[in-house]
C-alpha atoms as a PDB file:
ATOM      1  CA  MET A   1     -27.346  50.276  20.724  1.00  0.00           C
ATOM      2  CA  VAL A   2     -29.127  47.636  18.642  1.00  0.00           C
ATOM      3  CA  ARG A   3     -26.816  45.311  16.715  1.00  0.00           C
ATOM      4  CA  LEU A   4     -28.195  43.813  13.573  1.00  0.00           C
ATOM      5  CA  PHE A   5     -27.457  40.196  12.695  1.00  0.00           C
ATOM      6  CA  HIS A   6     -25.707  39.841   9.347  1.00  0.00           C
ATOM      7  CA  PRO A   7     -25.825  36.269   7.964  1.00  0.00           C
ATOM      8  CA  ALA A   8     -22.990  36.942   5.521  1.00  0.00           C
ATOM      9  CA  ALA A   9     -20.699  38.125   8.296  1.00  0.00           C
ATOM     10  CA  ALA A  10     -21.599  35.096  10.423  1.00  0.00           C
ATOM     11  CA  ARG A  11     -20.799  32.746   7.546  1.00  0.00           C
ATOM     12  CA  ALA A  12     -17.487  34.506   6.995  1.00  0.00           C
ATOM     13  CA  ARG A  13     -16.529  34.029  10.638  1.00  0.00           C
ATOM     14  CA  THR A  14     -17.496  30.353  10.407  1.00  0.00           C
ATOM     15  CA  LEU A  15     -15.521  29.749   7.222  1.00  0.00           C
ATOM     16  CA  ALA A  16     -12.429  31.685   8.277  1.00  0.00           C
ATOM     17  CA  PRO A  17     -10.798  28.805  10.233  1.00  0.00           C
ATOM     18  CA  ALA A  18     -11.379  26.393   7.338  1.00  0.00           C
ATOM     19  CA  ALA A  19      -9.896  28.839   4.859  1.00  0.00           C
ATOM     20  CA  GLY A  20      -6.884  29.318   7.107  1.00  0.00           C
ATOM     21  CA  ALA A  21      -6.368  25.564   7.319  1.00  0.00           C
ATOM     22  CA  LEU A  22      -6.544  25.271   3.525  1.00  0.00           C
ATOM     23  CA  ARG A  23      -3.961  28.001   3.086  1.00  0.00           C
ATOM     24  CA  ALA A  24      -1.678  26.369   5.646  1.00  0.00           C
ATOM     25  CA  GLY A  25      -2.061  22.989   3.936  1.00  0.00           C
ATOM     26  CA  ALA A  26      -1.273  24.475   0.524  1.00  0.00           C
ATOM     27  CA  ALA A  27       1.799  26.271   1.909  1.00  0.00           C
ATOM     28  CA  ARG A  28       3.012  23.061   3.549  1.00  0.00           C
ATOM     29  CA  ARG A  29       2.623  21.105   0.306  1.00  0.00           C
ATOM     30  CA  LEU A  30       4.427  23.788  -1.673  1.00  0.00           C
ATOM     31  CA  GLU A  31       7.306  23.640   0.778  1.00  0.00           C
ATOM     32  CA  LEU A  32       7.427  19.844   0.480  1.00  0.00           C
ATOM     33  CA  LEU A  33       7.506  20.081  -3.323  1.00  0.00           C
ATOM     34  CA  ARG A  34      10.605  22.258  -3.064  1.00  0.00           C
ATOM     35  CA  THR A  35      12.400  19.713  -0.896  1.00  0.00           C
ATOM     36  CA  PRO A  36      15.172  18.000  -2.871  1.00  0.00           C
ATOM     37  CA  ALA A  37      15.873  14.301  -2.527  1.00  0.00           C
ATOM     38  CA  PRO A  38      19.220  13.242  -1.057  1.00  0.00           C
ATOM     39  CA  GLU A  39      21.832  12.916  -3.795  1.00  0.00           C
ATOM     40  CA  GLU A  40      22.403   9.243  -3.042  1.00  0.00           C
ATOM     41  CA  ALA A  41      18.689   8.381  -3.433  1.00  0.00           C
ATOM     42  CA  ARG A  42      17.753   7.221  -6.916  1.00  0.00           C
ATOM     43  CA  GLY A  43      14.452   5.904  -8.222  1.00  0.00           C
ATOM     44  CA  PRO A  44      14.176   3.520 -11.202  1.00  0.00           C
ATOM     45  CA  ALA A  45      15.321   4.773 -14.608  1.00  0.00           C
ATOM     46  CA  LEU A  46      13.026   6.803 -16.870  1.00  0.00           C
ATOM     47  CA  GLN A  47      12.744   3.922 -19.333  1.00  0.00           C
ATOM     48  CA  LEU A  48      11.280   1.699 -16.618  1.00  0.00           C
ATOM     49  CA  LEU A  49       8.906   4.461 -15.499  1.00  0.00           C
ATOM     50  CA  LEU A  50       7.603   4.868 -19.057  1.00  0.00           C
ATOM     51  CA  GLY A  51       6.963   1.142 -19.101  1.00  0.00           C
ATOM     52  CA  GLU A  52       4.606   1.636 -16.155  1.00  0.00           C
ATOM     53  CA  VAL A  53       2.639   4.251 -18.112  1.00  0.00           C
ATOM     54  CA  ARG A  54       2.148   1.835 -20.997  1.00  0.00           C
ATOM     55  CA  HIS A  55       0.908  -0.754 -18.515  1.00  0.00           C
ATOM     56  CA  LEU A  56      -1.840   1.413 -16.980  1.00  0.00           C
ATOM     57  CA  TRP A  57      -4.684  -0.138 -19.007  1.00  0.00           C
ATOM     58  CA  GLU A  58      -3.586  -3.697 -18.327  1.00  0.00           C
ATOM     59  CA  PRO A  59      -5.843  -4.125 -15.230  1.00  0.00           C
ATOM     60  CA  VAL A  60      -8.905  -3.255 -17.342  1.00  0.00           C
ATOM     61  CA  ARG A  61      -8.024  -5.755 -20.048  1.00  0.00           C
ATOM     62  CA  ARG A  62      -7.167  -8.384 -17.466  1.00  0.00           C
ATOM     63  CA  GLN A  63     -10.751  -8.439 -16.145  1.00  0.00           C
ATOM     64  CA  PHE A  64     -11.842 -10.085 -19.408  1.00  0.00           C
ATOM     65  CA  ASP A  65      -9.183 -12.784 -19.373  1.00  0.00           C
ATOM     66  CA  PRO A  66     -10.136 -16.363 -18.473  1.00  0.00           C
ATOM     67  CA  PRO A  67      -9.318 -17.619 -14.976  1.00  0.00           C
ATOM     68  CA  LEU A  68      -5.691 -18.496 -14.357  1.00  0.00           C
ATOM     69  CA  GLY A  69      -6.590 -22.015 -13.378  1.00  0.00           C
ATOM     70  CA  LEU A  70      -4.883 -21.958  -9.999  1.00  0.00           C
ATOM     71  CA  ALA A  71      -4.821 -25.375  -8.384  1.00  0.00           C
ATOM     72  CA  PRO A  72      -7.306 -25.791  -5.523  1.00  0.00           C
ATOM     73  CA  THR A  73      -5.628 -24.934  -2.261  1.00  0.00           C
ATOM     74  CA  ARG A  74      -4.725 -27.634   0.235  1.00  0.00           C
ATOM     75  CA  SER A  75      -4.564 -25.066   3.012  1.00  0.00           C
ATOM     76  CA  PRO A  76      -7.285 -22.382   2.766  1.00  0.00           C
ATOM     77  CA  LYS A  77      -6.264 -19.013   4.176  1.00  0.00           C
ATOM     78  CA  VAL A  78      -8.053 -15.812   5.107  1.00  0.00           C
ATOM     79  CA  VAL A  79      -6.414 -12.986   3.184  1.00  0.00           C
ATOM     80  CA  ILE A  80      -6.724  -9.208   3.387  1.00  0.00           C
ATOM     81  CA  LEU A  81      -5.526  -7.267   0.342  1.00  0.00           C
ATOM     82  CA  LEU A  82      -4.108  -3.786   0.935  1.00  0.00           C
ATOM     83  CA  PRO A  83      -3.922  -1.561  -2.183  1.00  0.00           C
ATOM     84  CA  GLY A  84      -1.040   0.655  -3.208  1.00  0.00           C
ATOM     85  CA  PHE A  85      -0.804   4.417  -2.836  1.00  0.00           C
ATOM     86  CA  ALA A  86      -3.468   6.378  -4.755  1.00  0.00           C
ATOM     87  CA  THR A  87      -5.204   3.169  -5.829  1.00  0.00           C
ATOM     88  CA  HIS A  88      -8.592   1.646  -5.027  1.00  0.00           C
ATOM     89  CA  PRO A  89      -9.231  -1.951  -3.914  1.00  0.00           C
ATOM     90  CA  LEU A  90     -10.844  -2.558  -7.314  1.00  0.00           C
ATOM     91  CA  ARG A  91      -7.328  -2.584  -8.765  1.00  0.00           C
ATOM     92  CA  MET A  92      -6.781  -5.820  -6.825  1.00  0.00           C
ATOM     93  CA  ARG A  93     -10.127  -7.358  -7.693  1.00  0.00           C
ATOM     94  CA  TYR A  94      -8.691  -9.714 -10.316  1.00  0.00           C
ATOM     95  CA  MET A  95      -6.207 -11.093  -7.801  1.00  0.00           C
ATOM     96  CA  ALA A  96      -8.985 -11.524  -5.253  1.00  0.00           C
ATOM     97  CA  GLN A  97     -11.134 -13.444  -7.752  1.00  0.00           C
ATOM     98  CA  GLN A  98      -8.325 -15.833  -8.656  1.00  0.00           C
ATOM     99  CA  LEU A  99      -7.389 -16.540  -5.039  1.00  0.00           C
ATOM    100  CA  GLU A 100     -11.024 -17.080  -4.110  1.00  0.00           C
ATOM    101  CA  GLY A 101     -11.379 -19.458  -7.053  1.00  0.00           C
ATOM    102  CA  ALA A 102      -8.542 -21.499  -5.553  1.00  0.00           C
ATOM    103  CA  GLY A 103     -10.426 -21.764  -2.240  1.00  0.00           C
ATOM    104  CA  HIS A 104      -9.088 -18.898  -0.138  1.00  0.00           C
ATOM    105  CA  THR A 105     -11.243 -16.312   1.630  1.00  0.00           C
ATOM    106  CA  VAL A 106     -10.240 -12.841   0.434  1.00  0.00           C
ATOM    107  CA  LYS A 107     -11.311  -9.620   2.128  1.00  0.00           C
ATOM    108  CA  ARG A 108     -10.828  -5.968   1.224  1.00  0.00           C
ATOM    109  CA  TRP A 109      -9.124  -3.615   3.626  1.00  0.00           C
ATOM    110  CA  GLY A 110     -12.370  -1.633   3.957  1.00  0.00           C
ATOM    111  CA  LEU A 111     -11.026   1.918   3.504  1.00  0.00           C
ATOM    112  CA  GLY A 112     -11.536   2.676  -0.183  1.00  0.00           C
ATOM    113  CA  TRP A 113      -8.789   4.713  -1.853  1.00  0.00           C
ATOM    114  CA  ASN A 114      -5.339   4.528  -0.295  1.00  0.00           C
ATOM    115  CA  LEU A 115      -4.354   8.186   0.095  1.00  0.00           C
ATOM    116  CA  GLY A 116      -1.674   7.649   2.697  1.00  0.00           C
ATOM    117  CA  PRO A 117      -1.606   6.982   6.432  1.00  0.00           C
ATOM    118  CA  THR A 118      -3.413   8.970   9.095  1.00  0.00           C
ATOM    119  CA  VAL A 119      -3.874   8.219  12.768  1.00  0.00           C
ATOM    120  CA  GLU A 120      -7.562   7.599  12.096  1.00  0.00           C
ATOM    121  CA  ASN A 121      -7.313   5.276   9.108  1.00  0.00           C
ATOM    122  CA  PHE A 122      -4.507   3.240  10.672  1.00  0.00           C
ATOM    123  CA  ALA A 123      -6.701   2.680  13.729  1.00  0.00           C
ATOM    124  CA  GLN A 124      -9.447   1.507  11.360  1.00  0.00           C
ATOM    125  CA  MET A 125      -7.006  -0.911   9.731  1.00  0.00           C
ATOM    126  CA  GLU A 126      -6.055  -2.311  13.118  1.00  0.00           C
ATOM    127  CA  ALA A 127      -9.715  -2.844  13.957  1.00  0.00           C
ATOM    128  CA  ARG A 128     -10.293  -4.479  10.571  1.00  0.00           C
ATOM    129  CA  VAL A 129      -7.496  -7.012  11.082  1.00  0.00           C
ATOM    130  CA  ARG A 130      -8.720  -7.905  14.575  1.00  0.00           C
ATOM    131  CA  GLN A 131     -12.325  -8.161  13.365  1.00  0.00           C
ATOM    132  CA  VAL A 132     -11.553 -10.472  10.413  1.00  0.00           C
ATOM    133  CA  SER A 133      -9.243 -12.659  12.493  1.00  0.00           C
ATOM    134  CA  ALA A 134     -11.871 -13.043  15.213  1.00  0.00           C
ATOM    135  CA  ARG A 135     -14.672 -13.684  12.714  1.00  0.00           C
ATOM    136  CA  TYR A 136     -12.862 -16.567  11.016  1.00  0.00           C
ATOM    137  CA  GLY A 137     -11.084 -17.851  14.096  1.00  0.00           C
ATOM    138  CA  GLN A 138      -7.598 -17.727  12.611  1.00  0.00           C
ATOM    139  CA  PRO A 139      -4.806 -15.239  11.921  1.00  0.00           C
ATOM    140  CA  VAL A 140      -5.020 -13.539   8.546  1.00  0.00           C
ATOM    141  CA  VAL A 141      -2.466 -13.226   5.753  1.00  0.00           C
ATOM    142  CA  LEU A 142      -1.811  -9.605   4.783  1.00  0.00           C
ATOM    143  CA  VAL A 143      -0.930  -9.032   1.128  1.00  0.00           C
ATOM    144  CA  GLY A 144       0.192  -5.449   0.624  1.00  0.00           C
ATOM    145  CA  TRP A 145       0.963  -3.816  -2.704  1.00  0.00           C
ATOM    146  CA  SER A 146       3.503  -0.963  -2.555  1.00  0.00           C
ATOM    147  CA  LEU A 147       2.437   1.383   0.296  1.00  0.00           C
ATOM    148  CA  GLY A 148      -0.114  -1.243   1.316  1.00  0.00           C
ATOM    149  CA  GLY A 149       2.830  -3.446   2.215  1.00  0.00           C
ATOM    150  CA  ILE A 150       4.169  -0.801   4.604  1.00  0.00           C
ATOM    151  CA  PHE A 151       0.785  -0.854   6.342  1.00  0.00           C
ATOM    152  CA  ALA A 152       0.837  -4.662   6.401  1.00  0.00           C
ATOM    153  CA  ARG A 153       4.251  -4.786   8.052  1.00  0.00           C
ATOM    154  CA  GLU A 154       3.276  -2.261  10.725  1.00  0.00           C
ATOM    155  CA  LEU A 155      -0.048  -4.005  11.400  1.00  0.00           C
ATOM    156  CA  ALA A 156       1.766  -7.302  11.913  1.00  0.00           C
ATOM    157  CA  LYS A 157       4.144  -5.671  14.387  1.00  0.00           C
ATOM    158  CA  ARG A 158       1.262  -4.358  16.456  1.00  0.00           C
ATOM    159  CA  HIS A 159      -1.012  -7.395  16.177  1.00  0.00           C
ATOM    160  CA  PRO A 160       1.171 -10.495  15.605  1.00  0.00           C
ATOM    161  CA  ALA A 161      -1.441 -12.800  17.154  1.00  0.00           C
ATOM    162  CA  ASP A 162      -3.911 -11.783  14.435  1.00  0.00           C
ATOM    163  CA  VAL A 163      -1.504 -11.985  11.483  1.00  0.00           C
ATOM    164  CA  ALA A 164      -0.159 -15.288  10.158  1.00  0.00           C
ATOM    165  CA  LYS A 165       2.040 -13.900   7.400  1.00  0.00           C
ATOM    166  CA  VAL A 166       2.922 -10.740   5.489  1.00  0.00           C
ATOM    167  CA  ILE A 167       3.483 -10.688   1.722  1.00  0.00           C
ATOM    168  CA  THR A 168       4.697  -7.397   0.267  1.00  0.00           C
ATOM    169  CA  MET A 169       4.665  -6.601  -3.455  1.00  0.00           C
ATOM    170  CA  GLY A 170       6.963  -3.838  -4.667  1.00  0.00           C
ATOM    171  CA  THR A 171       6.935  -2.287  -1.194  1.00  0.00           C
ATOM    172  CA  PRO A 172       9.674   0.266  -0.360  1.00  0.00           C
ATOM    173  CA  PHE A 173      10.327  -0.908   3.189  1.00  0.00           C
ATOM    174  CA  SER A 174      14.131  -0.789   3.005  1.00  0.00           C
ATOM    175  CA  GLY A 175      16.697   1.897   2.222  1.00  0.00           C
ATOM    176  CA  SER A 176      15.898   5.540   1.484  1.00  0.00           C
ATOM    177  CA  PRO A 177      12.232   6.626   1.346  1.00  0.00           C
ATOM    178  CA  TYR A 178      13.279   8.834  -1.582  1.00  0.00           C
ATOM    179  CA  ALA A 179      14.527   5.939  -3.745  1.00  0.00           C
ATOM    180  CA  ASN A 180      11.355   5.799  -5.810  1.00  0.00           C
ATOM    181  CA  ASN A 181       9.517   7.809  -8.443  1.00  0.00           C
ATOM    182  CA  ALA A 182       6.432   8.500  -6.337  1.00  0.00           C
ATOM    183  CA  TRP A 183       7.691  10.380  -3.276  1.00  0.00           C
ATOM    184  CA  ARG A 184       6.820  13.847  -4.607  1.00  0.00           C
ATOM    185  CA  ALA A 185       3.269  12.780  -5.468  1.00  0.00           C
ATOM    186  CA  TYR A 186       3.001  11.131  -2.056  1.00  0.00           C
ATOM    187  CA  GLN A 187       4.025  14.322  -0.243  1.00  0.00           C
ATOM    188  CA  LEU A 188       1.746  16.480  -2.404  1.00  0.00           C
ATOM    189  CA  ILE A 189      -1.312  14.337  -1.669  1.00  0.00           C
ATOM    190  CA  THR A 190      -0.672  13.501   1.979  1.00  0.00           C
ATOM    191  CA  GLY A 191       0.831  16.831   3.069  1.00  0.00           C
ATOM    192  CA  HIS A 192       3.597  15.191   5.087  1.00  0.00           C
ATOM    193  CA  SER A 193       7.172  14.168   4.394  1.00  0.00           C
ATOM    194  CA  VAL A 194       8.024  10.594   3.479  1.00  0.00           C
ATOM    195  CA  GLU A 195      10.439  10.761   6.408  1.00  0.00           C
ATOM    196  CA  ARG A 196       7.838  11.859   8.955  1.00  0.00           C
ATOM    197  CA  PRO A 197       4.554   9.942   8.585  1.00  0.00           C
ATOM    198  CA  PRO A 198       1.769  10.716  11.065  1.00  0.00           C
ATOM    199  CA  ILE A 199       2.046   7.268  12.650  1.00  0.00           C
ATOM    200  CA  GLU A 200       5.102   5.827  14.329  1.00  0.00           C
ATOM    201  CA  ALA A 201       6.776   3.390  11.966  1.00  0.00           C
ATOM    202  CA  ALA A 202      10.140   1.742  11.430  1.00  0.00           C
ATOM    203  CA  SER A 203       9.512   0.136   8.074  1.00  0.00           C
ATOM    204  CA  ALA A 204      12.821  -1.743   7.785  1.00  0.00           C
ATOM    205  CA  ILE A 205      12.307  -3.646  11.050  1.00  0.00           C
ATOM    206  CA  LYS A 206      10.919  -7.088  10.294  1.00  0.00           C
ATOM    207  CA  PRO A 207       7.535  -8.025  11.782  1.00  0.00           C
ATOM    208  CA  PRO A 208       7.533 -10.961  14.232  1.00  0.00           C
ATOM    209  CA  VAL A 209       5.716 -13.161  11.683  1.00  0.00           C
ATOM    210  CA  GLU A 210       6.877 -14.719   8.421  1.00  0.00           C
ATOM    211  CA  THR A 211       7.501 -11.878   5.987  1.00  0.00           C
ATOM    212  CA  VAL A 212       8.084 -12.344   2.256  1.00  0.00           C
ATOM    213  CA  ALA A 213       9.075  -9.599  -0.174  1.00  0.00           C
ATOM    214  CA  LEU A 214       8.076  -9.886  -3.837  1.00  0.00           C
ATOM    215  CA  TRP A 215      10.089  -7.499  -6.011  1.00  0.00           C
ATOM    216  CA  SER A 216      10.948  -6.964  -9.651  1.00  0.00           C
ATOM    217  CA  PRO A 217      13.981  -5.604 -11.529  1.00  0.00           C
ATOM    218  CA  ARG A 218      11.462  -4.167 -14.028  1.00  0.00           C
ATOM    219  CA  ASP A 219       9.747  -2.046 -11.365  1.00  0.00           C
ATOM    220  CA  GLY A 220       9.515   1.524 -12.675  1.00  0.00           C
ATOM    221  CA  ILE A 221       8.217   3.110  -9.464  1.00  0.00           C
ATOM    222  CA  VAL A 222      10.144   1.639  -6.528  1.00  0.00           C
ATOM    223  CA  SER A 223      13.844   0.854  -6.444  1.00  0.00           C
ATOM    224  CA  PRO A 224      14.231  -2.948  -6.518  1.00  0.00           C
ATOM    225  CA  ARG A 225      16.794  -2.671  -3.719  1.00  0.00           C
ATOM    226  CA  CYS A 226      14.175  -1.047  -1.459  1.00  0.00           C
ATOM    227  CA  ALA A 227      11.471  -3.604  -2.316  1.00  0.00           C
ATOM    228  CA  ARG A 228      13.818  -6.567  -1.971  1.00  0.00           C
ATOM    229  CA  GLY A 229      15.222  -5.559   1.397  1.00  0.00           C
ATOM    230  CA  LEU A 230      18.210  -6.953   3.237  1.00  0.00           C
ATOM    231  CA  PRO A 231      18.603 -10.174   5.222  1.00  0.00           C
ATOM    232  CA  GLY A 232      17.021  -9.614   8.606  1.00  0.00           C
ATOM    233  CA  GLU A 233      14.472  -7.136   7.199  1.00  0.00           C
ATOM    234  CA  ARG A 234      12.369  -9.977   5.758  1.00  0.00           C
ATOM    235  CA  ASP A 235      12.465 -13.750   5.906  1.00  0.00           C
ATOM    236  CA  ARG A 236      12.597 -14.348   2.162  1.00  0.00           C
ATOM    237  CA  GLU A 237      12.604 -12.407  -1.091  1.00  0.00           C
ATOM    238  CA  VAL A 238      11.226 -13.559  -4.443  1.00  0.00           C
ATOM    239  CA  ALA A 239      12.130 -11.898  -7.747  1.00  0.00           C
ATOM    240  CA  LEU A 240       9.415 -11.516 -10.385  1.00  0.00           C
ATOM    241  CA  ARG A 241       9.482  -9.940 -13.859  1.00  0.00           C
ATOM    242  CA  CYS A 242       6.329  -7.829 -13.734  1.00  0.00           C
ATOM    243  CA  ARG A 243       5.962  -4.047 -13.680  1.00  0.00           C
ATOM    244  CA  HIS A 244       5.129  -2.235 -10.438  1.00  0.00           C
ATOM    245  CA  THR A 245       1.529  -1.873 -11.603  1.00  0.00           C
ATOM    246  CA  GLY A 246       1.531  -5.566 -12.504  1.00  0.00           C
ATOM    247  CA  PHE A 247       1.980  -6.754  -8.924  1.00  0.00           C
ATOM    248  CA  ALA A 248      -1.773  -6.346  -8.426  1.00  0.00           C
ATOM    249  CA  ASN A 249      -2.987  -8.251 -11.470  1.00  0.00           C
ATOM    250  CA  SER A 250      -0.304 -10.062 -13.479  1.00  0.00           C
ATOM    251  CA  PRO A 251      -0.550 -13.871 -13.650  1.00  0.00           C
ATOM    252  CA  GLU A 252       3.064 -14.119 -12.454  1.00  0.00           C
ATOM    253  CA  ALA A 253       2.389 -12.091  -9.302  1.00  0.00           C
ATOM    254  CA  ILE A 254      -0.887 -13.852  -8.529  1.00  0.00           C
ATOM    255  CA  ARG A 255       0.737 -17.271  -8.869  1.00  0.00           C
ATOM    256  CA  ALA A 256       3.575 -16.126  -6.606  1.00  0.00           C
ATOM    257  CA  VAL A 257       1.084 -15.027  -3.939  1.00  0.00           C
ATOM    258  CA  ALA A 258      -0.822 -18.323  -4.324  1.00  0.00           C
ATOM    259  CA  ARG A 259       2.406 -20.290  -3.793  1.00  0.00           C
ATOM    260  CA  GLU A 260       3.161 -18.301  -0.658  1.00  0.00           C
ATOM    261  CA  LEU A 261      -0.310 -19.034   0.691  1.00  0.00           C
ATOM    262  CA  GLU A 262       0.393 -22.765   0.318  1.00  0.00           C
ATOM    263  CA  ARG A 263       3.513 -22.520   2.469  1.00  0.00           C
ATOM    264  CA  ASP A 264       2.838 -23.104   6.171  1.00  0.00           C
END
């Protein structure tokens, strides 16, 4: 019997596994969306969240502001900026420009949009930290905004010889992973629970390097308690008055980071 080759049938067989994976991913995300938060977990109030919405265009306007006039650094550092969840490194460009103007060397994390952790992208982050540290011959300072701060803390735990200091900004490293207003969006985009990330992590455990937590009572995304942490989970905490979105570009936050870079 002669069997005829049918291109359409061959394509269907090739696409079937991909279609199955898409269906499984959609089902998993739907199940995660139905998962309720623990009753004791509370994110910031709605009024604070609405304040974040009004602040969304601030980074665009900020690009046209004059330089902050940071004092020239007496102790130049090599800094890697790690963006928050669902944001691009461009959101931290203004901060990078101001720190560079003060004499620091500022590098991007090199991964584009932050869409959550995977085994692959975390390995790339590890390689990036080692590469930058080796290139400049000194440990780097990791400045992580929100989820970027979780990455920074874990990177410092795994590579303490390559990291001089960790500065987190509005990072939910302490308390319940549900005590924020972004956990549903996080689970929808990443496809995994906030309690079970694809990489091993114990976010509340302090890295073996100096670790400073910047937090704000006006944060509309992350509970201030979670971003402030408890004694033993960080070395110091510093309260600011900016919004969560303002950690990346507000003069107050940038000056706070600059002060931390001056501390040896």
